Amino acid sequence: MVNFGMRKRVLSNPYIGIALLATGIEIGKKLLAEQMPKEIVIFAVEVEEVTKFTEEMTRTVEETIPKVVNLVLGEVGSADTNAISV
């Protein structure tokens, strides 16, 4: 169990998020084919401890965040700016 404020939840299967993402992309391709990007890049940071919930990051994650930010900025910088809409 993990305590999120005043309510408790059982952590679900961590792979459910991947399945939901894949399903969302497939639905988007069918319903909004013209608006869907040709490429989707996902950046993730793996955590060391999955059973303990805290507001602080582990040292490893904290040290990794700037690296991921640079990767994202590099990816955005190399993207086709005509394809990006806000």
PDB file of N, CA and C in Angstrom:
ATOM      1  N   MET A   1       0.835  -1.190   0.000  1.00  0.00           N
ATOM      2  CA  MET A   1       0.000   0.000   0.000  1.00  0.00           C
ATOM      3  C   MET A   1       0.874   1.246   0.000  1.00  0.00           C
ATOM      4  N   VAL A   2       0.421   2.256  -0.666  1.00  0.00           N
ATOM      5  CA  VAL A   2       1.099   3.542  -0.683  1.00  0.00           C
ATOM      6  C   VAL A   2       0.101   4.585  -0.217  1.00  0.00           C
ATOM      7  N   ASN A   3       0.542   5.487   0.634  1.00  0.00           N
ATOM      8  CA  ASN A   3      -0.342   6.520   1.153  1.00  0.00           C
ATOM      9  C   ASN A   3      -0.200   7.775   0.304  1.00  0.00           C
ATOM     10  N   PHE A   4      -1.248   8.121  -0.418  1.00  0.00           N
ATOM     11  CA  PHE A   4      -1.289   9.351  -1.208  1.00  0.00           C
ATOM     12  C   PHE A   4      -2.195  10.325  -0.466  1.00  0.00           C
ATOM     13  N   GLY A   5      -1.601  11.151   0.375  1.00  0.00           N
ATOM     14  CA  GLY A   5      -2.411  12.068   1.169  1.00  0.00           C
ATOM     15  C   GLY A   5      -3.229  11.281   2.169  1.00  0.00           C
ATOM     16  N   MET A   6      -4.542  11.348   2.075  1.00  0.00           N
ATOM     17  CA  MET A   6      -5.419  10.676   3.028  1.00  0.00           C
ATOM     18  C   MET A   6      -5.961   9.354   2.499  1.00  0.00           C
ATOM     19  N   ARG A   7      -5.771   9.059   1.241  1.00  0.00           N
ATOM     20  CA  ARG A   7      -6.318   7.812   0.725  1.00  0.00           C
ATOM     21  C   ARG A   7      -5.192   6.835   0.408  1.00  0.00           C
ATOM     22  N   LYS A   8      -5.481   5.561   0.486  1.00  0.00           N
ATOM     23  CA  LYS A   8      -4.481   4.530   0.207  1.00  0.00           C
ATOM     24  C   LYS A   8      -4.857   3.795  -1.067  1.00  0.00           C
ATOM     25  N   ARG A   9      -3.836   3.461  -1.844  1.00  0.00           N
ATOM     26  CA  ARG A   9      -4.030   2.720  -3.080  1.00  0.00           C
ATOM     27  C   ARG A   9      -3.018   1.599  -3.163  1.00  0.00           C
ATOM     28  N   VAL A  10      -3.412   0.517  -3.745  1.00  0.00           N
ATOM     29  CA  VAL A  10      -2.472  -0.558  -4.038  1.00  0.00           C
ATOM     30  C   VAL A  10      -1.824  -0.214  -5.369  1.00  0.00           C
ATOM     31  N   LEU A  11      -0.502  -0.288  -5.407  1.00  0.00           N
ATOM     32  CA  LEU A  11       0.183  -0.017  -6.672  1.00  0.00           C
ATOM     33  C   LEU A  11      -0.181  -1.097  -7.672  1.00  0.00           C
ATOM     34  N   SER A  12      -0.557  -0.683  -8.864  1.00  0.00           N
ATOM     35  CA  SER A  12      -0.920  -1.648  -9.892  1.00  0.00           C
ATOM     36  C   SER A  12       0.332  -2.102 -10.636  1.00  0.00           C
ATOM     37  N   ASN A  13       0.125  -2.956 -11.576  1.00  0.00           N
ATOM     38  CA  ASN A  13       1.200  -3.463 -12.417  1.00  0.00           C
ATOM     39  C   ASN A  13       1.867  -2.284 -13.130  1.00  0.00           C
ATOM     40  N   PRO A  14       3.196  -2.138 -13.007  1.00  0.00           N
ATOM     41  CA  PRO A  14       3.856  -0.989 -13.645  1.00  0.00           C
ATOM     42  C   PRO A  14       3.760  -0.998 -15.163  1.00  0.00           C
ATOM     43  N   TYR A  15       3.474  -2.141 -15.759  1.00  0.00           N
ATOM     44  CA  TYR A  15       3.398  -2.229 -17.213  1.00  0.00           C
ATOM     45  C   TYR A  15       2.053  -1.758 -17.754  1.00  0.00           C
ATOM     46  N   ILE A  16       1.081  -1.512 -16.867  1.00  0.00           N
ATOM     47  CA  ILE A  16      -0.232  -1.059 -17.317  1.00  0.00           C
ATOM     48  C   ILE A  16      -0.120   0.291 -18.019  1.00  0.00           C
ATOM     49  N   GLY A  17       0.777   1.154 -17.547  1.00  0.00           N
ATOM     50  CA  GLY A  17       0.954   2.461 -18.179  1.00  0.00           C
ATOM     51  C   GLY A  17       1.429   2.345 -19.610  1.00  0.00           C
ATOM     52  N   ILE A  18       2.313   1.390 -19.863  1.00  0.00           N
ATOM     53  CA  ILE A  18       2.812   1.166 -21.222  1.00  0.00           C
ATOM     54  C   ILE A  18       1.672   0.696 -22.122  1.00  0.00           C
ATOM     55  N   ALA A  19       0.851  -0.214 -21.607  1.00  0.00           N
ATOM     56  CA  ALA A  19      -0.279  -0.715 -22.386  1.00  0.00           C
ATOM     57  C   ALA A  19      -1.273   0.404 -22.680  1.00  0.00           C
ATOM     58  N   LEU A  20      -1.540   1.252 -21.687  1.00  0.00           N
ATOM     59  CA  LEU A  20      -2.468   2.364 -21.893  1.00  0.00           C
ATOM     60  C   LEU A  20      -1.912   3.367 -22.900  1.00  0.00           C
ATOM     61  N   LEU A  21      -0.619   3.618 -22.843  1.00  0.00           N
ATOM     62  CA  LEU A  21       0.010   4.532 -23.800  1.00  0.00           C
ATOM     63  C   LEU A  21      -0.119   3.983 -25.216  1.00  0.00           C
ATOM     64  N   ALA A  22       0.202   2.711 -25.383  1.00  0.00           N
ATOM     65  CA  ALA A  22       0.110   2.085 -26.704  1.00  0.00           C
ATOM     66  C   ALA A  22      -1.326   2.120 -27.222  1.00  0.00           C
ATOM     67  N   THR A  23      -2.284   1.864 -26.342  1.00  0.00           N
ATOM     68  CA  THR A  23      -3.694   1.908 -26.730  1.00  0.00           C
ATOM     69  C   THR A  23      -4.094   3.321 -27.135  1.00  0.00           C
ATOM     70  N   GLY A  24      -3.657   4.310 -26.363  1.00  0.00           N
ATOM     71  CA  GLY A  24      -3.962   5.705 -26.684  1.00  0.00           C
ATOM     72  C   GLY A  24      -3.406   6.121 -28.034  1.00  0.00           C
ATOM     73  N   ILE A  25      -2.203   5.676 -28.325  1.00  0.00           N
ATOM     74  CA  ILE A  25      -1.587   5.997 -29.619  1.00  0.00           C
ATOM     75  C   ILE A  25      -2.382   5.362 -30.756  1.00  0.00           C
ATOM     76  N   GLU A  26      -2.779   4.110 -30.583  1.00  0.00           N
ATOM     77  CA  GLU A  26      -3.556   3.430 -31.628  1.00  0.00           C
ATOM     78  C   GLU A  26      -4.908   4.104 -31.842  1.00  0.00           C
ATOM     79  N   ILE A  27      -5.562   4.509 -30.763  1.00  0.00           N
ATOM     80  CA  ILE A  27      -6.840   5.221 -30.890  1.00  0.00           C
ATOM     81  C   ILE A  27      -6.620   6.547 -31.615  1.00  0.00           C
ATOM     82  N   GLY A  28      -5.554   7.245 -31.245  1.00  0.00           N
ATOM     83  CA  GLY A  28      -5.238   8.508 -31.909  1.00  0.00           C
ATOM     84  C   GLY A  28      -5.013   8.331 -33.398  1.00  0.00           C
ATOM     85  N   LYS A  29      -4.320   7.263 -33.779  1.00  0.00           N
ATOM     86  CA  LYS A  29      -4.063   6.998 -35.202  1.00  0.00           C
ATOM     87  C   LYS A  29      -5.368   6.768 -35.966  1.00  0.00           C
ATOM     88  N   LYS A  30      -6.328   6.123 -35.301  1.00  0.00           N
ATOM     89  CA  LYS A  30      -7.598   5.825 -35.970  1.00  0.00           C
ATOM     90  C   LYS A  30      -8.530   7.032 -36.013  1.00  0.00           C
ATOM     91  N   LEU A  31      -8.567   7.797 -34.932  1.00  0.00           N
ATOM     92  CA  LEU A  31      -9.514   8.907 -34.852  1.00  0.00           C
ATOM     93  C   LEU A  31      -8.950  10.231 -35.353  1.00  0.00           C
ATOM     94  N   LEU A  32      -7.658  10.429 -35.194  1.00  0.00           N
ATOM     95  CA  LEU A  32      -7.032  11.710 -35.536  1.00  0.00           C
ATOM     96  C   LEU A  32      -5.780  11.494 -36.382  1.00  0.00           C
ATOM     97  N   ALA A  33      -5.891  10.657 -37.378  1.00  0.00           N
ATOM     98  CA  ALA A  33      -4.726  10.257 -38.175  1.00  0.00           C
ATOM     99  C   ALA A  33      -3.941  11.447 -38.716  1.00  0.00           C
ATOM    100  N   GLU A  34      -4.627  12.471 -39.168  1.00  0.00           N
ATOM    101  CA  GLU A  34      -3.961  13.643 -39.745  1.00  0.00           C
ATOM    102  C   GLU A  34      -3.173  14.432 -38.700  1.00  0.00           C
ATOM    103  N   GLN A  35      -3.617  14.396 -37.450  1.00  0.00           N
ATOM    104  CA  GLN A  35      -3.000  15.204 -36.396  1.00  0.00           C
ATOM    105  C   GLN A  35      -1.943  14.454 -35.586  1.00  0.00           C
ATOM    106  N   MET A  36      -1.888  13.149 -35.740  1.00  0.00           N
ATOM    107  CA  MET A  36      -0.925  12.362 -34.963  1.00  0.00           C
ATOM    108  C   MET A  36       0.489  12.574 -35.495  1.00  0.00           C
ATOM    109  N   PRO A  37       1.458  12.705 -34.591  1.00  0.00           N
ATOM    110  CA  PRO A  37       2.846  12.846 -35.046  1.00  0.00           C
ATOM    111  C   PRO A  37       3.327  11.546 -35.688  1.00  0.00           C
ATOM    112  N   LYS A  38       4.269  11.667 -36.603  1.00  0.00           N
ATOM    113  CA  LYS A  38       4.828  10.475 -37.242  1.00  0.00           C
ATOM    114  C   LYS A  38       5.727   9.706 -36.285  1.00  0.00           C
ATOM    115  N   GLU A  39       6.319  10.430 -35.347  1.00  0.00           N
ATOM    116  CA  GLU A  39       7.238   9.808 -34.388  1.00  0.00           C
ATOM    117  C   GLU A  39       6.927  10.316 -32.985  1.00  0.00           C
ATOM    118  N   ILE A  40       6.937   9.410 -32.025  1.00  0.00           N
ATOM    119  CA  ILE A  40       6.757   9.762 -30.617  1.00  0.00           C
ATOM    120  C   ILE A  40       7.983   9.258 -29.874  1.00  0.00           C
ATOM    121  N   VAL A  41       8.658  10.155 -29.192  1.00  0.00           N
ATOM    122  CA  VAL A  41       9.857   9.802 -28.431  1.00  0.00           C
ATOM    123  C   VAL A  41       9.509   9.892 -26.951  1.00  0.00           C
ATOM    124  N   ILE A  42       9.820   8.842 -26.215  1.00  0.00           N
ATOM    125  CA  ILE A  42       9.514   8.793 -24.787  1.00  0.00           C
ATOM    126  C   ILE A  42      10.820   8.761 -24.003  1.00  0.00           C
ATOM    127  N   PHE A  43      10.914   9.617 -23.012  1.00  0.00           N
ATOM    128  CA  PHE A  43      12.062   9.646 -22.110  1.00  0.00           C
ATOM    129  C   PHE A  43      11.584   9.164 -20.750  1.00  0.00           C
ATOM    130  N   ALA A  44      12.351   8.301 -20.121  1.00  0.00           N
ATOM    131  CA  ALA A  44      11.957   7.775 -18.816  1.00  0.00           C
ATOM    132  C   ALA A  44      13.190   7.622 -17.937  1.00  0.00           C
ATOM    133  N   VAL A  45      12.954   7.708 -16.648  1.00  0.00           N
ATOM    134  CA  VAL A  45      14.010   7.483 -15.664  1.00  0.00           C
ATOM    135  C   VAL A  45      13.537   6.349 -14.771  1.00  0.00           C
ATOM    136  N   GLU A  46      14.300   5.287 -14.735  1.00  0.00           N
ATOM    137  CA  GLU A  46      13.944   4.142 -13.897  1.00  0.00           C
ATOM    138  C   GLU A  46      14.271   4.448 -12.442  1.00  0.00           C
ATOM    139  N   VAL A  47      13.349   4.122 -11.570  1.00  0.00           N
ATOM    140  CA  VAL A  47      13.574   4.345 -10.146  1.00  0.00           C
ATOM    141  C   VAL A  47      14.187   3.101  -9.523  1.00  0.00           C
ATOM    142  N   GLU A  48      14.901   3.299  -8.424  1.00  0.00           N
ATOM    143  CA  GLU A  48      15.516   2.170  -7.728  1.00  0.00           C
ATOM    144  C   GLU A  48      14.530   1.517  -6.764  1.00  0.00           C
ATOM    145  N   GLU A  49      13.765   2.322  -6.059  1.00  0.00           N
ATOM    146  CA  GLU A  49      12.866   1.847  -5.008  1.00  0.00           C
ATOM    147  C   GLU A  49      11.428   2.089  -5.437  1.00  0.00           C
ATOM    148  N   VAL A  50      10.670   1.008  -5.640  1.00  0.00           N
ATOM    149  CA  VAL A  50       9.296   1.153  -6.105  1.00  0.00           C
ATOM    150  C   VAL A  50       8.254   0.916  -5.017  1.00  0.00           C
ATOM    151  N   THR A  51       8.689   0.511  -3.847  1.00  0.00           N
ATOM    152  CA  THR A  51       7.730   0.225  -2.783  1.00  0.00           C
ATOM    153  C   THR A  51       7.619   1.343  -1.763  1.00  0.00           C
ATOM    154  N   LYS A  52       8.486   2.328  -1.851  1.00  0.00           N
ATOM    155  CA  LYS A  52       8.493   3.434  -0.890  1.00  0.00           C
ATOM    156  C   LYS A  52       8.160   4.728  -1.630  1.00  0.00           C
ATOM    157  N   PHE A  53       7.151   5.455  -1.143  1.00  0.00           N
ATOM    158  CA  PHE A  53       6.730   6.702  -1.774  1.00  0.00           C
ATOM    159  C   PHE A  53       7.167   7.870  -0.910  1.00  0.00           C
ATOM    160  N   THR A  54       7.965   8.769  -1.489  1.00  0.00           N
ATOM    161  CA  THR A  54       8.403   9.965  -0.770  1.00  0.00           C
ATOM    162  C   THR A  54       8.317  11.163  -1.708  1.00  0.00           C
ATOM    163  N   GLU A  55       8.426  12.339  -1.150  1.00  0.00           N
ATOM    164  CA  GLU A  55       8.427  13.551  -1.965  1.00  0.00           C
ATOM    165  C   GLU A  55       9.813  13.850  -2.515  1.00  0.00           C
ATOM    166  N   GLU A  56      10.839  13.236  -1.960  1.00  0.00           N
ATOM    167  CA  GLU A  56      12.211  13.472  -2.400  1.00  0.00           C
ATOM    168  C   GLU A  56      12.633  12.433  -3.431  1.00  0.00           C
ATOM    169  N   MET A  57      13.502  12.857  -4.325  1.00  0.00           N
ATOM    170  CA  MET A  57      14.084  11.934  -5.297  1.00  0.00           C
ATOM    171  C   MET A  57      15.307  11.271  -4.679  1.00  0.00           C
ATOM    172  N   THR A  58      15.625  10.085  -5.171  1.00  0.00           N
ATOM    173  CA  THR A  58      16.882   9.478  -4.755  1.00  0.00           C
ATOM    174  C   THR A  58      18.011  10.272  -5.398  1.00  0.00           C
ATOM    175  N   ARG A  59      19.192  10.120  -4.865  1.00  0.00           N
ATOM    176  CA  ARG A  59      20.347  10.845  -5.406  1.00  0.00           C
ATOM    177  C   ARG A  59      20.555  10.487  -6.887  1.00  0.00           C
ATOM    178  N   THR A  60      20.396   9.218  -7.215  1.00  0.00           N
ATOM    179  CA  THR A  60      20.594   8.775  -8.596  1.00  0.00           C
ATOM    180  C   THR A  60      19.609   9.460  -9.541  1.00  0.00           C
ATOM    181  N   VAL A  61      18.338   9.498  -9.158  1.00  0.00           N
ATOM    182  CA  VAL A  61      17.331  10.146 -10.002  1.00  0.00           C
ATOM    183  C   VAL A  61      17.618  11.639 -10.098  1.00  0.00           C
ATOM    184  N   GLU A  62      17.935  12.264  -8.981  1.00  0.00           N
ATOM    185  CA  GLU A  62      18.229  13.697  -8.973  1.00  0.00           C
ATOM    186  C   GLU A  62      19.403  14.031  -9.897  1.00  0.00           C
ATOM    187  N   GLU A  63      20.422  13.173  -9.904  1.00  0.00           N
ATOM    188  CA  GLU A  63      21.582  13.400 -10.766  1.00  0.00           C
ATOM    189  C   GLU A  63      21.260  13.131 -12.238  1.00  0.00           C
ATOM    190  N   THR A  64      20.250  12.302 -12.481  1.00  0.00           N
ATOM    191  CA  THR A  64      19.891  11.927 -13.847  1.00  0.00           C
ATOM    192  C   THR A  64      18.999  12.965 -14.521  1.00  0.00           C
ATOM    193  N   ILE A  65      18.218  13.690 -13.755  1.00  0.00           N
ATOM    194  CA  ILE A  65      17.265  14.648 -14.325  1.00  0.00           C
ATOM    195  C   ILE A  65      17.923  15.644 -15.287  1.00  0.00           C
ATOM    196  N   PRO A  66      19.045  16.297 -14.925  1.00  0.00           N
ATOM    197  CA  PRO A  66      19.661  17.226 -15.888  1.00  0.00           C
ATOM    198  C   PRO A  66      20.074  16.542 -17.196  1.00  0.00           C
ATOM    199  N   LYS A  67      20.501  15.291 -17.114  1.00  0.00           N
ATOM    200  CA  LYS A  67      20.882  14.560 -18.326  1.00  0.00           C
ATOM    201  C   LYS A  67      19.660  14.342 -19.222  1.00  0.00           C
ATOM    202  N   VAL A  68      18.543  13.973 -18.600  1.00  0.00           N
ATOM    203  CA  VAL A  68      17.318  13.741 -19.366  1.00  0.00           C
ATOM    204  C   VAL A  68      16.814  15.054 -19.966  1.00  0.00           C
ATOM    205  N   VAL A  69      16.877  16.129 -19.196  1.00  0.00           N
ATOM    206  CA  VAL A  69      16.473  17.442 -19.710  1.00  0.00           C
ATOM    207  C   VAL A  69      17.299  17.791 -20.947  1.00  0.00           C
ATOM    208  N   ASN A  70      18.601  17.559 -20.895  1.00  0.00           N
ATOM    209  CA  ASN A  70      19.457  17.835 -22.055  1.00  0.00           C
ATOM    210  C   ASN A  70      19.095  16.956 -23.248  1.00  0.00           C
ATOM    211  N   LEU A  71      18.760  15.695 -22.985  1.00  0.00           N
ATOM    212  CA  LEU A  71      18.327  14.810 -24.069  1.00  0.00           C
ATOM    213  C   LEU A  71      17.036  15.322 -24.706  1.00  0.00           C
ATOM    214  N   VAL A  72      16.089  15.741 -23.869  1.00  0.00           N
ATOM    215  CA  VAL A  72      14.818  16.267 -24.377  1.00  0.00           C
ATOM    216  C   VAL A  72      15.061  17.535 -25.189  1.00  0.00           C
ATOM    217  N   LEU A  73      15.862  18.446 -24.645  1.00  0.00           N
ATOM    218  CA  LEU A  73      16.160  19.682 -25.373  1.00  0.00           C
ATOM    219  C   LEU A  73      16.856  19.392 -26.698  1.00  0.00           C
ATOM    220  N   GLY A  74      17.746  18.407 -26.705  1.00  0.00           N
ATOM    221  CA  GLY A  74      18.405  18.015 -27.949  1.00  0.00           C
ATOM    222  C   GLY A  74      17.416  17.454 -28.954  1.00  0.00           C
ATOM    223  N   GLU A  75      16.482  16.658 -28.477  1.00  0.00           N
ATOM    224  CA  GLU A  75      15.464  16.074 -29.353  1.00  0.00           C
ATOM    225  C   GLU A  75      14.541  17.162 -29.902  1.00  0.00           C
ATOM    226  N   VAL A  76      14.118  18.061 -29.057  1.00  0.00           N
ATOM    227  CA  VAL A  76      13.241  19.150 -29.490  1.00  0.00           C
ATOM    228  C   VAL A  76      13.983  20.061 -30.459  1.00  0.00           C
ATOM    229  N   GLY A  77      15.253  20.307 -30.185  1.00  0.00           N
ATOM    230  CA  GLY A  77      16.053  21.154 -31.063  1.00  0.00           C
ATOM    231  C   GLY A  77      16.260  20.553 -32.433  1.00  0.00           C
ATOM    232  N   SER A  78      16.260  19.220 -32.509  1.00  0.00           N
ATOM    233  CA  SER A  78      16.472  18.557 -33.793  1.00  0.00           C
ATOM    234  C   SER A  78      15.158  18.241 -34.495  1.00  0.00           C
ATOM    235  N   ALA A  79      14.037  18.551 -33.844  1.00  0.00           N
ATOM    236  CA  ALA A  79      12.727  18.241 -34.423  1.00  0.00           C
ATOM    237  C   ALA A  79      12.405  19.196 -35.563  1.00  0.00           C
ATOM    238  N   ASP A  80      11.540  18.754 -36.424  1.00  0.00           N
ATOM    239  CA  ASP A  80      11.038  19.594 -37.510  1.00  0.00           C
ATOM    240  C   ASP A  80      10.116  20.636 -36.895  1.00  0.00           C
ATOM    241  N   THR A  81      10.560  21.883 -36.835  1.00  0.00           N
ATOM    242  CA  THR A  81       9.780  22.923 -36.159  1.00  0.00           C
ATOM    243  C   THR A  81       8.453  23.195 -36.848  1.00  0.00           C
ATOM    244  N   ASN A  82       8.309  22.832 -38.101  1.00  0.00           N
ATOM    245  CA  ASN A  82       7.022  22.998 -38.782  1.00  0.00           C
ATOM    246  C   ASN A  82       5.993  21.999 -38.268  1.00  0.00           C
ATOM    247  N   ALA A  83       6.466  20.895 -37.689  1.00  0.00           N
ATOM    248  CA  ALA A  83       5.551  19.869 -37.204  1.00  0.00           C
ATOM    249  C   ALA A  83       5.092  20.139 -35.778  1.00  0.00           C
ATOM    250  N   ILE A  84       5.734  21.089 -35.112  1.00  0.00           N
ATOM    251  CA  ILE A  84       5.402  21.370 -33.718  1.00  0.00           C
ATOM    252  C   ILE A  84       4.345  22.457 -33.663  1.00  0.00           C
ATOM    253  N   SER A  85       3.237  22.164 -32.988  1.00  0.00           N
ATOM    254  CA  SER A  85       2.211  23.186 -32.793  1.00  0.00           C
ATOM    255  C   SER A  85       1.903  23.296 -31.314  1.00  0.00           C
ATOM    256  N   VAL A  86       1.650  24.506 -30.868  1.00  0.00           N
ATOM    257  CA  VAL A  86       1.381  24.742 -29.444  1.00  0.00           C
ATOM    258  C   VAL A  86      -0.057  25.133 -29.270  1.00  0.00           C
TER     259      VAL A  86
END
